[in-house]
Amino acid sequence: MAETFKIKKGDKVVVIAGREKGKKGEIIRMVRAERRAVVAGINMVKRHTRPSSGTPGGIVEKEAPIHLSNLAIQDPKDGRPTRVGYKILEDGRKVRVAKRSGEVIDR
């Protein structure tokens, strides 16, 4: 069975460990097999690329994946890192909630 994560694409996250600690961004891609996520503007690396038919080549800066253990969901109320819990609403939907404030994270 596939592993499930409390963080998913489109979530606003805060980096809680490593050289990018304290920075905030949005998840643009999940690498589920490696338990990593690509966050916009976080963990930037330089790649030397060869010219091809569509691209000129040179040194390109792009985001590298960061491990999920170094990320925490951003609390919708105050923007600080929070843990994630689950709650079932009156209409039967199961939603993610922030442990810090109790706010619903899911849209």
PDB file of N, CA and C in Angstrom:
ATOM      1  N   MET A   1       0.842  -1.186   0.000  1.00  0.00           N
ATOM      2  CA  MET A   1       0.000   0.000   0.000  1.00  0.00           C
ATOM      3  C   MET A   1       0.885   1.246   0.000  1.00  0.00           C
ATOM      4  N   ALA A   2       0.462   2.262  -0.697  1.00  0.00           N
ATOM      5  CA  ALA A   2       1.228   3.505  -0.805  1.00  0.00           C
ATOM      6  C   ALA A   2       1.263   4.238   0.535  1.00  0.00           C
ATOM      7  N   GLU A   3       2.409   4.847   0.818  1.00  0.00           N
ATOM      8  CA  GLU A   3       2.563   5.599   2.051  1.00  0.00           C
ATOM      9  C   GLU A   3       1.856   6.943   1.927  1.00  0.00           C
ATOM     10  N   THR A   4       1.226   7.390   3.006  1.00  0.00           N
ATOM     11  CA  THR A   4       0.536   8.670   2.980  1.00  0.00           C
ATOM     12  C   THR A   4       1.323   9.682   3.808  1.00  0.00           C
ATOM     13  N   PHE A   5       1.260  10.937   3.397  1.00  0.00           N
ATOM     14  CA  PHE A   5       1.962  12.007   4.081  1.00  0.00           C
ATOM     15  C   PHE A   5       0.960  13.071   4.503  1.00  0.00           C
ATOM     16  N   LYS A   6       1.298  13.808   5.558  1.00  0.00           N
ATOM     17  CA  LYS A   6       0.424  14.876   6.033  1.00  0.00           C
ATOM     18  C   LYS A   6       0.648  16.172   5.271  1.00  0.00           C
ATOM     19  N   ILE A   7       1.697  16.184   4.435  1.00  0.00           N
ATOM     20  CA  ILE A   7       2.014  17.349   3.605  1.00  0.00           C
ATOM     21  C   ILE A   7       1.742  16.974   2.159  1.00  0.00           C
ATOM     22  N   LYS A   8       1.187  17.912   1.372  1.00  0.00           N
ATOM     23  CA  LYS A   8       0.964  17.611  -0.045  1.00  0.00           C
ATOM     24  C   LYS A   8       1.232  18.831  -0.915  1.00  0.00           C
ATOM     25  N   LYS A   9       1.203  18.615  -2.211  1.00  0.00           N
ATOM     26  CA  LYS A   9       1.496  19.664  -3.183  1.00  0.00           C
ATOM     27  C   LYS A   9       0.550  20.846  -2.987  1.00  0.00           C
ATOM     28  N   GLY A  10       1.125  22.052  -3.047  1.00  0.00           N
ATOM     29  CA  GLY A  10       0.328  23.257  -2.882  1.00  0.00           C
ATOM     30  C   GLY A  10       0.306  23.801  -1.465  1.00  0.00           C
ATOM     31  N   ASP A  11       0.791  23.018  -0.497  1.00  0.00           N
ATOM     32  CA  ASP A  11       0.811  23.478   0.895  1.00  0.00           C
ATOM     33  C   ASP A  11       1.886  24.536   1.106  1.00  0.00           C
ATOM     34  N   LYS A  12       1.603  25.466   1.997  1.00  0.00           N
ATOM     35  CA  LYS A  12       2.602  26.440   2.436  1.00  0.00           C
ATOM     36  C   LYS A  12       3.361  25.798   3.597  1.00  0.00           C
ATOM     37  N   VAL A  13       4.697  25.785   3.489  1.00  0.00           N
ATOM     38  CA  VAL A  13       5.511  25.124   4.505  1.00  0.00           C
ATOM     39  C   VAL A  13       6.604  26.048   5.026  1.00  0.00           C
ATOM     40  N   VAL A  14       7.154  25.677   6.197  1.00  0.00           N
ATOM     41  CA  VAL A  14       8.271  26.376   6.822  1.00  0.00           C
ATOM     42  C   VAL A  14       9.388  25.355   6.981  1.00  0.00           C
ATOM     43  N   VAL A  15      10.627  25.746   6.644  1.00  0.00           N
ATOM     44  CA  VAL A  15      11.780  24.866   6.837  1.00  0.00           C
ATOM     45  C   VAL A  15      12.184  24.964   8.302  1.00  0.00           C
ATOM     46  N   ILE A  16      12.260  23.801   8.982  1.00  0.00           N
ATOM     47  CA  ILE A  16      12.532  23.805  10.419  1.00  0.00           C
ATOM     48  C   ILE A  16      13.942  23.333  10.753  1.00  0.00           C
ATOM     49  N   ALA A  17      14.719  22.887   9.755  1.00  0.00           N
ATOM     50  CA  ALA A  17      16.083  22.425  10.019  1.00  0.00           C
ATOM     51  C   ALA A  17      16.937  22.598   8.773  1.00  0.00           C
ATOM     52  N   GLY A  18      18.237  22.740   8.980  1.00  0.00           N
ATOM     53  CA  GLY A  18      19.161  22.859   7.863  1.00  0.00           C
ATOM     54  C   GLY A  18      19.530  24.303   7.571  1.00  0.00           C
ATOM     55  N   ARG A  19      20.277  24.505   6.496  1.00  0.00           N
ATOM     56  CA  ARG A  19      20.796  25.847   6.202  1.00  0.00           C
ATOM     57  C   ARG A  19      19.708  26.822   5.762  1.00  0.00           C
ATOM     58  N   GLU A  20      18.536  26.321   5.361  1.00  0.00           N
ATOM     59  CA  GLU A  20      17.424  27.173   4.937  1.00  0.00           C
ATOM     60  C   GLU A  20      16.407  27.385   6.057  1.00  0.00           C
ATOM     61  N   LYS A  21      16.785  27.067   7.300  1.00  0.00           N
ATOM     62  CA  LYS A  21      15.868  27.126   8.443  1.00  0.00           C
ATOM     63  C   LYS A  21      15.190  28.491   8.559  1.00  0.00           C
ATOM     64  N   GLY A  22      13.858  28.463   8.743  1.00  0.00           N
ATOM     65  CA  GLY A  22      13.089  29.686   8.911  1.00  0.00           C
ATOM     66  C   GLY A  22      12.455  30.203   7.632  1.00  0.00           C
ATOM     67  N   LYS A  23      12.915  29.730   6.471  1.00  0.00           N
ATOM     68  CA  LYS A  23      12.365  30.200   5.204  1.00  0.00           C
ATOM     69  C   LYS A  23      11.021  29.539   4.934  1.00  0.00           C
ATOM     70  N   LYS A  24      10.166  30.258   4.186  1.00  0.00           N
ATOM     71  CA  LYS A  24       8.823  29.768   3.875  1.00  0.00           C
ATOM     72  C   LYS A  24       8.659  29.648   2.375  1.00  0.00           C
ATOM     73  N   GLY A  25       7.826  28.701   1.937  1.00  0.00           N
ATOM     74  CA  GLY A  25       7.558  28.532   0.520  1.00  0.00           C
ATOM     75  C   GLY A  25       6.399  27.587   0.293  1.00  0.00           C
ATOM     76  N   GLU A  26       6.096  27.356  -0.969  1.00  0.00           N
ATOM     77  CA  GLU A  26       4.991  26.481  -1.351  1.00  0.00           C
ATOM     78  C   GLU A  26       5.543  25.244  -2.035  1.00  0.00           C
ATOM     79  N   ILE A  27       4.972  24.092  -1.728  1.00  0.00           N
ATOM     80  CA  ILE A  27       5.421  22.840  -2.339  1.00  0.00           C
ATOM     81  C   ILE A  27       4.952  22.806  -3.788  1.00  0.00           C
ATOM     82  N   ILE A  28       5.916  22.618  -4.710  1.00  0.00           N
ATOM     83  CA  ILE A  28       5.558  22.558  -6.127  1.00  0.00           C
ATOM     84  C   ILE A  28       5.589  21.134  -6.671  1.00  0.00           C
ATOM     85  N   ARG A  29       6.276  20.220  -5.947  1.00  0.00           N
ATOM     86  CA  ARG A  29       6.333  18.830  -6.415  1.00  0.00           C
ATOM     87  C   ARG A  29       6.708  17.931  -5.247  1.00  0.00           C
ATOM     88  N   MET A  30       6.096  16.752  -5.188  1.00  0.00           N
ATOM     89  CA  MET A  30       6.429  15.753  -4.178  1.00  0.00           C
ATOM     90  C   MET A  30       7.217  14.623  -4.831  1.00  0.00           C
ATOM     91  N   VAL A  31       8.268  14.150  -4.155  1.00  0.00           N
ATOM     92  CA  VAL A  31       9.033  12.983  -4.592  1.00  0.00           C
ATOM     93  C   VAL A  31       8.750  11.909  -3.546  1.00  0.00           C
ATOM     94  N   ARG A  32       7.629  11.208  -3.718  1.00  0.00           N
ATOM     95  CA  ARG A  32       7.111  10.314  -2.699  1.00  0.00           C
ATOM     96  C   ARG A  32       8.045   9.141  -2.392  1.00  0.00           C
ATOM     97  N   ALA A  33       8.707   8.597  -3.391  1.00  0.00           N
ATOM     98  CA  ALA A  33       9.572   7.437  -3.188  1.00  0.00           C
ATOM     99  C   ALA A  33      10.747   7.759  -2.272  1.00  0.00           C
ATOM    100  N   GLU A  34      11.190   9.001  -2.265  1.00  0.00           N
ATOM    101  CA  GLU A  34      12.338   9.407  -1.456  1.00  0.00           C
ATOM    102  C   GLU A  34      11.945  10.230  -0.226  1.00  0.00           C
ATOM    103  N   ARG A  35      10.635  10.402   0.004  1.00  0.00           N
ATOM    104  CA  ARG A  35      10.117  11.200   1.118  1.00  0.00           C
ATOM    105  C   ARG A  35      10.654  12.626   1.076  1.00  0.00           C
ATOM    106  N   ARG A  36      10.638  13.213  -0.107  1.00  0.00           N
ATOM    107  CA  ARG A  36      11.154  14.560  -0.292  1.00  0.00           C
ATOM    108  C   ARG A  36      10.129  15.422  -1.013  1.00  0.00           C
ATOM    109  N   ALA A  37      10.334  16.739  -0.940  1.00  0.00           N
ATOM    110  CA  ALA A  37       9.459  17.688  -1.621  1.00  0.00           C
ATOM    111  C   ALA A  37      10.311  18.806  -2.208  1.00  0.00           C
ATOM    112  N   VAL A  38       9.852  19.346  -3.338  1.00  0.00           N
ATOM    113  CA  VAL A  38      10.504  20.501  -3.945  1.00  0.00           C
ATOM    114  C   VAL A  38       9.689  21.724  -3.550  1.00  0.00           C
ATOM    115  N   VAL A  39      10.359  22.684  -2.878  1.00  0.00           N
ATOM    116  CA  VAL A  39       9.689  23.871  -2.378  1.00  0.00           C
ATOM    117  C   VAL A  39      10.192  25.080  -3.168  1.00  0.00           C
ATOM    118  N   ALA A  40       9.275  25.926  -3.624  1.00  0.00           N
ATOM    119  CA  ALA A  40       9.627  27.093  -4.440  1.00  0.00           C
ATOM    120  C   ALA A  40      10.575  28.023  -3.682  1.00  0.00           C
ATOM    121  N   GLY A  41      11.737  28.285  -4.288  1.00  0.00           N
ATOM    122  CA  GLY A  41      12.704  29.224  -3.731  1.00  0.00           C
ATOM    123  C   GLY A  41      13.560  28.698  -2.594  1.00  0.00           C
ATOM    124  N   ILE A  42      13.419  27.413  -2.254  1.00  0.00           N
ATOM    125  CA  ILE A  42      14.165  26.824  -1.138  1.00  0.00           C
ATOM    126  C   ILE A  42      15.133  25.769  -1.677  1.00  0.00           C
ATOM    127  N   ASN A  43      16.322  25.669  -1.048  1.00  0.00           N
ATOM    128  CA  ASN A  43      17.338  24.677  -1.396  1.00  0.00           C
ATOM    129  C   ASN A  43      17.780  24.817  -2.854  1.00  0.00           C
ATOM    130  N   MET A  44      18.131  26.035  -3.233  1.00  0.00           N
ATOM    131  CA  MET A  44      18.545  26.327  -4.608  1.00  0.00           C
ATOM    132  C   MET A  44      19.945  25.760  -4.873  1.00  0.00           C
ATOM    133  N   VAL A  45      20.104  25.104  -6.038  1.00  0.00           N
ATOM    134  CA  VAL A  45      21.391  24.561  -6.459  1.00  0.00           C
ATOM    135  C   VAL A  45      21.687  25.036  -7.872  1.00  0.00           C
ATOM    136  N   LYS A  46      22.970  25.034  -8.227  1.00  0.00           N
ATOM    137  CA  LYS A  46      23.379  25.430  -9.574  1.00  0.00           C
ATOM    138  C   LYS A  46      23.657  24.175 -10.391  1.00  0.00           C
ATOM    139  N   ARG A  47      23.124  24.134 -11.614  1.00  0.00           N
ATOM    140  CA  ARG A  47      23.337  23.022 -12.530  1.00  0.00           C
ATOM    141  C   ARG A  47      23.997  23.555 -13.794  1.00  0.00           C
ATOM    142  N   HIS A  48      25.082  22.914 -14.223  1.00  0.00           N
ATOM    143  CA  HIS A  48      25.742  23.288 -15.466  1.00  0.00           C
ATOM    144  C   HIS A  48      25.102  22.477 -16.579  1.00  0.00           C
ATOM    145  N   THR A  49      24.417  23.157 -17.502  1.00  0.00           N
ATOM    146  CA  THR A  49      23.688  22.446 -18.555  1.00  0.00           C
ATOM    147  C   THR A  49      24.331  22.681 -19.913  1.00  0.00           C
ATOM    148  N   ARG A  50      24.266  21.651 -20.720  1.00  0.00           N
ATOM    149  CA  ARG A  50      24.792  21.709 -22.080  1.00  0.00           C
ATOM    150  C   ARG A  50      23.742  22.336 -22.993  1.00  0.00           C
ATOM    151  N   PRO A  51      24.168  23.124 -23.972  1.00  0.00           N
ATOM    152  CA  PRO A  51      23.183  23.694 -24.906  1.00  0.00           C
ATOM    153  C   PRO A  51      22.464  22.601 -25.696  1.00  0.00           C
ATOM    154  N   SER A  52      21.181  22.775 -25.907  1.00  0.00           N
ATOM    155  CA  SER A  52      20.409  21.848 -26.740  1.00  0.00           C
ATOM    156  C   SER A  52      19.580  22.692 -27.704  1.00  0.00           C
ATOM    157  N   SER A  53      18.729  22.032 -28.454  1.00  0.00           N
ATOM    158  CA  SER A  53      17.970  22.743 -29.492  1.00  0.00           C
ATOM    159  C   SER A  53      17.073  23.839 -28.918  1.00  0.00           C
ATOM    160  N   GLY A  54      16.533  23.629 -27.708  1.00  0.00           N
ATOM    161  CA  GLY A  54      15.600  24.611 -27.136  1.00  0.00           C
ATOM    162  C   GLY A  54      16.215  25.547 -26.122  1.00  0.00           C
ATOM    163  N   THR A  55      17.303  25.125 -25.462  1.00  0.00           N
ATOM    164  CA  THR A  55      17.885  25.938 -24.389  1.00  0.00           C
ATOM    165  C   THR A  55      19.322  26.336 -24.718  1.00  0.00           C
ATOM    166  N   PRO A  56      19.738  27.518 -24.263  1.00  0.00           N
ATOM    167  CA  PRO A  56      21.081  27.982 -24.588  1.00  0.00           C
ATOM    168  C   PRO A  56      22.189  27.318 -23.767  1.00  0.00           C
ATOM    169  N   GLY A  57      21.875  26.739 -22.629  1.00  0.00           N
ATOM    170  CA  GLY A  57      22.896  26.135 -21.785  1.00  0.00           C
ATOM    171  C   GLY A  57      23.491  27.155 -20.833  1.00  0.00           C
ATOM    172  N   GLY A  58      24.472  26.727 -20.044  1.00  0.00           N
ATOM    173  CA  GLY A  58      25.095  27.597 -19.065  1.00  0.00           C
ATOM    174  C   GLY A  58      24.766  27.138 -17.657  1.00  0.00           C
ATOM    175  N   ILE A  59      24.910  28.028 -16.695  1.00  0.00           N
ATOM    176  CA  ILE A  59      24.650  27.690 -15.297  1.00  0.00           C
ATOM    177  C   ILE A  59      23.210  28.063 -14.962  1.00  0.00           C
ATOM    178  N   VAL A  60      22.427  27.054 -14.594  1.00  0.00           N
ATOM    179  CA  VAL A  60      21.008  27.244 -14.278  1.00  0.00           C
ATOM    180  C   VAL A  60      20.811  27.013 -12.786  1.00  0.00           C
ATOM    181  N   GLU A  61      20.071  27.906 -12.144  1.00  0.00           N
ATOM    182  CA  GLU A  61      19.771  27.739 -10.727  1.00  0.00           C
ATOM    183  C   GLU A  61      18.349  27.200 -10.590  1.00  0.00           C
ATOM    184  N   LYS A  62      18.208  26.096  -9.821  1.00  0.00           N
ATOM    185  CA  LYS A  62      16.880  25.503  -9.644  1.00  0.00           C
ATOM    186  C   LYS A  62      16.755  24.918  -8.248  1.00  0.00           C
ATOM    187  N   GLU A  63      15.510  24.557  -7.882  1.00  0.00           N
ATOM    188  CA  GLU A  63      15.244  24.008  -6.558  1.00  0.00           C
ATOM    189  C   GLU A  63      15.598  22.522  -6.530  1.00  0.00           C
ATOM    190  N   ALA A  64      16.212  22.092  -5.420  1.00  0.00           N
ATOM    191  CA  ALA A  64      16.487  20.675  -5.204  1.00  0.00           C
ATOM    192  C   ALA A  64      15.505  20.168  -4.147  1.00  0.00           C
ATOM    193  N   PRO A  65      15.203  18.865  -4.171  1.00  0.00           N
ATOM    194  CA  PRO A  65      14.280  18.326  -3.170  1.00  0.00           C
ATOM    195  C   PRO A  65      14.838  18.441  -1.752  1.00  0.00           C
ATOM    196  N   ILE A  66      13.950  18.621  -0.792  1.00  0.00           N
ATOM    197  CA  ILE A  66      14.319  18.701   0.623  1.00  0.00           C
ATOM    198  C   ILE A  66      13.503  17.647   1.371  1.00  0.00           C
ATOM    199  N   HIS A  67      14.112  17.013   2.359  1.00  0.00           N
ATOM    200  CA  HIS A  67      13.453  15.912   3.070  1.00  0.00           C
ATOM    201  C   HIS A  67      12.257  16.427   3.879  1.00  0.00           C
ATOM    202  N   LEU A  68      11.196  15.613   3.918  1.00  0.00           N
ATOM    203  CA  LEU A  68       9.960  16.022   4.599  1.00  0.00           C
ATOM    204  C   LEU A  68      10.155  16.241   6.098  1.00  0.00           C
ATOM    205  N   SER A  69      11.157  15.579   6.691  1.00  0.00           N
ATOM    206  CA  SER A  69      11.395  15.761   8.128  1.00  0.00           C
ATOM    207  C   SER A  69      11.900  17.164   8.446  1.00  0.00           C
ATOM    208  N   ASN A  70      12.376  17.889   7.431  1.00  0.00           N
ATOM    209  CA  ASN A  70      12.869  19.250   7.633  1.00  0.00           C
ATOM    210  C   ASN A  70      11.806  20.303   7.329  1.00  0.00           C
ATOM    211  N   LEU A  71      10.580  19.871   7.057  1.00  0.00           N
ATOM    212  CA  LEU A  71       9.493  20.778   6.715  1.00  0.00           C
ATOM    213  C   LEU A  71       8.356  20.663   7.725  1.00  0.00           C
ATOM    214  N   ALA A  72       7.661  21.758   7.941  1.00  0.00           N
ATOM    215  CA  ALA A  72       6.449  21.756   8.769  1.00  0.00           C
ATOM    216  C   ALA A  72       5.419  22.641   8.080  1.00  0.00           C
ATOM    217  N   ILE A  73       4.160  22.259   8.195  1.00  0.00           N
ATOM    218  CA  ILE A  73       3.069  23.043   7.616  1.00  0.00           C
ATOM    219  C   ILE A  73       3.036  24.415   8.291  1.00  0.00           C
ATOM    220  N   GLN A  74       2.721  25.437   7.499  1.00  0.00           N
ATOM    221  CA  GLN A  74       2.586  26.798   8.016  1.00  0.00           C
ATOM    222  C   GLN A  74       1.166  26.967   8.551  1.00  0.00           C
ATOM    223  N   ASP A  75       1.057  27.421   9.797  1.00  0.00           N
ATOM    224  CA  ASP A  75      -0.254  27.634  10.408  1.00  0.00           C
ATOM    225  C   ASP A  75      -0.996  28.723   9.637  1.00  0.00           C
ATOM    226  N   PRO A  76      -2.244  28.462   9.201  1.00  0.00           N
ATOM    227  CA  PRO A  76      -2.994  29.460   8.431  1.00  0.00           C
ATOM    228  C   PRO A  76      -3.273  30.737   9.227  1.00  0.00           C
ATOM    229  N   LYS A  77      -3.284  30.657  10.546  1.00  0.00           N
ATOM    230  CA  LYS A  77      -3.621  31.811  11.375  1.00  0.00           C
ATOM    231  C   LYS A  77      -2.441  32.762  11.573  1.00  0.00           C
ATOM    232  N   ASP A  78      -1.275  32.227  12.005  1.00  0.00           N
ATOM    233  CA  ASP A  78      -0.150  33.110  12.325  1.00  0.00           C
ATOM    234  C   ASP A  78       1.116  32.857  11.512  1.00  0.00           C
ATOM    235  N   GLY A  79       1.125  31.861  10.623  1.00  0.00           N
ATOM    236  CA  GLY A  79       2.275  31.633   9.750  1.00  0.00           C
ATOM    237  C   GLY A  79       3.433  30.887  10.379  1.00  0.00           C
ATOM    238  N   ARG A  80       3.290  30.450  11.630  1.00  0.00           N
ATOM    239  CA  ARG A  80       4.364  29.716  12.293  1.00  0.00           C
ATOM    240  C   ARG A  80       4.231  28.222  12.010  1.00  0.00           C
ATOM    241  N   PRO A  81       5.311  27.440  12.181  1.00  0.00           N
ATOM    242  CA  PRO A  81       5.226  25.995  11.918  1.00  0.00           C
ATOM    243  C   PRO A  81       4.277  25.304  12.889  1.00  0.00           C
ATOM    244  N   THR A  82       3.558  24.314  12.374  1.00  0.00           N
ATOM    245  CA  THR A  82       2.617  23.573  13.208  1.00  0.00           C
ATOM    246  C   THR A  82       2.589  22.115  12.784  1.00  0.00           C
ATOM    247  N   ARG A  83       2.108  21.282  13.686  1.00  0.00           N
ATOM    248  CA  ARG A  83       1.884  19.887  13.342  1.00  0.00           C
ATOM    249  C   ARG A  83       0.478  19.753  12.755  1.00  0.00           C
ATOM    250  N   VAL A  84       0.207  18.569  12.195  1.00  0.00           N
ATOM    251  CA  VAL A  84      -1.061  18.365  11.495  1.00  0.00           C
ATOM    252  C   VAL A  84      -1.863  17.268  12.175  1.00  0.00           C
ATOM    253  N   GLY A  85      -3.155  17.537  12.359  1.00  0.00           N
ATOM    254  CA  GLY A  85      -4.075  16.532  12.868  1.00  0.00           C
ATOM    255  C   GLY A  85      -5.230  16.381  11.888  1.00  0.00           C
ATOM    256  N   TYR A  86      -6.132  15.473  12.196  1.00  0.00           N
ATOM    257  CA  TYR A  86      -7.285  15.238  11.329  1.00  0.00           C
ATOM    258  C   TYR A  86      -8.568  15.393  12.119  1.00  0.00           C
ATOM    259  N   LYS A  87      -9.622  15.804  11.428  1.00  0.00           N
ATOM    260  CA  LYS A  87     -10.921  16.017  12.059  1.00  0.00           C
ATOM    261  C   LYS A  87     -11.988  15.689  11.020  1.00  0.00           C
ATOM    262  N   ILE A  88     -13.090  15.131  11.465  1.00  0.00           N
ATOM    263  CA  ILE A  88     -14.197  14.828  10.560  1.00  0.00           C
ATOM    264  C   ILE A  88     -15.277  15.880  10.788  1.00  0.00           C
ATOM    265  N   LEU A  89     -15.646  16.572   9.715  1.00  0.00           N
ATOM    266  CA  LEU A  89     -16.649  17.637   9.807  1.00  0.00           C
ATOM    267  C   LEU A  89     -18.055  17.050   9.861  1.00  0.00           C
ATOM    268  N   GLU A  90     -19.049  17.922  10.089  1.00  0.00           N
ATOM    269  CA  GLU A  90     -20.443  17.478  10.193  1.00  0.00           C
ATOM    270  C   GLU A  90     -20.939  16.848   8.895  1.00  0.00           C
ATOM    271  N   ASP A  91     -20.428  17.345   7.740  1.00  0.00           N
ATOM    272  CA  ASP A  91     -20.874  16.791   6.454  1.00  0.00           C
ATOM    273  C   ASP A  91     -20.146  15.503   6.087  1.00  0.00           C
ATOM    274  N   GLY A  92     -19.291  14.993   6.986  1.00  0.00           N
ATOM    275  CA  GLY A  92     -18.633  13.710   6.758  1.00  0.00           C
ATOM    276  C   GLY A  92     -17.249  13.793   6.126  1.00  0.00           C
ATOM    277  N   ARG A  93     -16.805  15.001   5.760  1.00  0.00           N
ATOM    278  CA  ARG A  93     -15.475  15.145   5.144  1.00  0.00           C
ATOM    279  C   ARG A  93     -14.384  15.051   6.205  1.00  0.00           C
ATOM    280  N   LYS A  94     -13.278  14.388   5.862  1.00  0.00           N
ATOM    281  CA  LYS A  94     -12.116  14.322   6.740  1.00  0.00           C
ATOM    282  C   LYS A  94     -11.142  15.397   6.284  1.00  0.00           C
ATOM    283  N   VAL A  95     -10.799  16.329   7.167  1.00  0.00           N
ATOM    284  CA  VAL A  95      -9.935  17.451   6.805  1.00  0.00           C
ATOM    285  C   VAL A  95      -8.721  17.499   7.727  1.00  0.00           C
ATOM    286  N   ARG A  96      -7.663  18.145   7.235  1.00  0.00           N
ATOM    287  CA  ARG A  96      -6.469  18.366   8.040  1.00  0.00           C
ATOM    288  C   ARG A  96      -6.637  19.648   8.844  1.00  0.00           C
ATOM    289  N   VAL A  97      -6.208  19.621  10.098  1.00  0.00           N
ATOM    290  CA  VAL A  97      -6.292  20.799  10.950  1.00  0.00           C
ATOM    291  C   VAL A  97      -4.917  21.073  11.566  1.00  0.00           C
ATOM    292  N   ALA A  98      -4.639  22.355  11.826  1.00  0.00           N
ATOM    293  CA  ALA A  98      -3.395  22.754  12.465  1.00  0.00           C
ATOM    294  C   ALA A  98      -3.508  22.507  13.961  1.00  0.00           C
ATOM    295  N   LYS A  99      -2.528  21.833  14.537  1.00  0.00           N
ATOM    296  CA  LYS A  99      -2.548  21.546  15.976  1.00  0.00           C
ATOM    297  C   LYS A  99      -2.373  22.825  16.787  1.00  0.00           C
ATOM    298  N   ARG A 100      -1.643  23.799  16.260  1.00  0.00           N
ATOM    299  CA  ARG A 100      -1.348  25.034  16.986  1.00  0.00           C
ATOM    300  C   ARG A 100      -2.612  25.866  17.213  1.00  0.00           C
ATOM    301  N   SER A 101      -3.414  26.069  16.133  1.00  0.00           N
ATOM    302  CA  SER A 101      -4.563  26.970  16.247  1.00  0.00           C
ATOM    303  C   SER A 101      -5.912  26.273  16.081  1.00  0.00           C
ATOM    304  N   GLY A 102      -5.926  25.060  15.561  1.00  0.00           N
ATOM    305  CA  GLY A 102      -7.180  24.356  15.315  1.00  0.00           C
ATOM    306  C   GLY A 102      -7.838  24.750  14.001  1.00  0.00           C
ATOM    307  N   GLU A 103      -7.178  25.609  13.200  1.00  0.00           N
ATOM    308  CA  GLU A 103      -7.716  26.045  11.904  1.00  0.00           C
ATOM    309  C   GLU A 103      -7.676  24.898  10.903  1.00  0.00           C
ATOM    310  N   VAL A 104      -8.637  24.860   9.995  1.00  0.00           N
ATOM    311  CA  VAL A 104      -8.662  23.864   8.927  1.00  0.00           C
ATOM    312  C   VAL A 104      -7.643  24.254   7.852  1.00  0.00           C
ATOM    313  N   ILE A 105      -6.784  23.295   7.469  1.00  0.00           N
ATOM    314  CA  ILE A 105      -5.749  23.545   6.473  1.00  0.00           C
ATOM    315  C   ILE A 105      -6.288  23.310   5.061  1.00  0.00           C
ATOM    316  N   ASP A 106      -7.075  22.252   4.892  1.00  0.00           N
ATOM    317  CA  ASP A 106      -7.585  21.913   3.552  1.00  0.00           C
ATOM    318  C   ASP A 106      -8.503  22.999   3.024  1.00  0.00           C
ATOM    319  N   ARG A 107      -8.461  23.153   1.683  1.00  0.00           N
ATOM    320  CA  ARG A 107      -9.257  24.199   1.035  1.00  0.00           C
ATOM    321  C   ARG A 107     -10.682  23.767   0.880  1.00  0.00           C
TER     322      ARG A 107
END
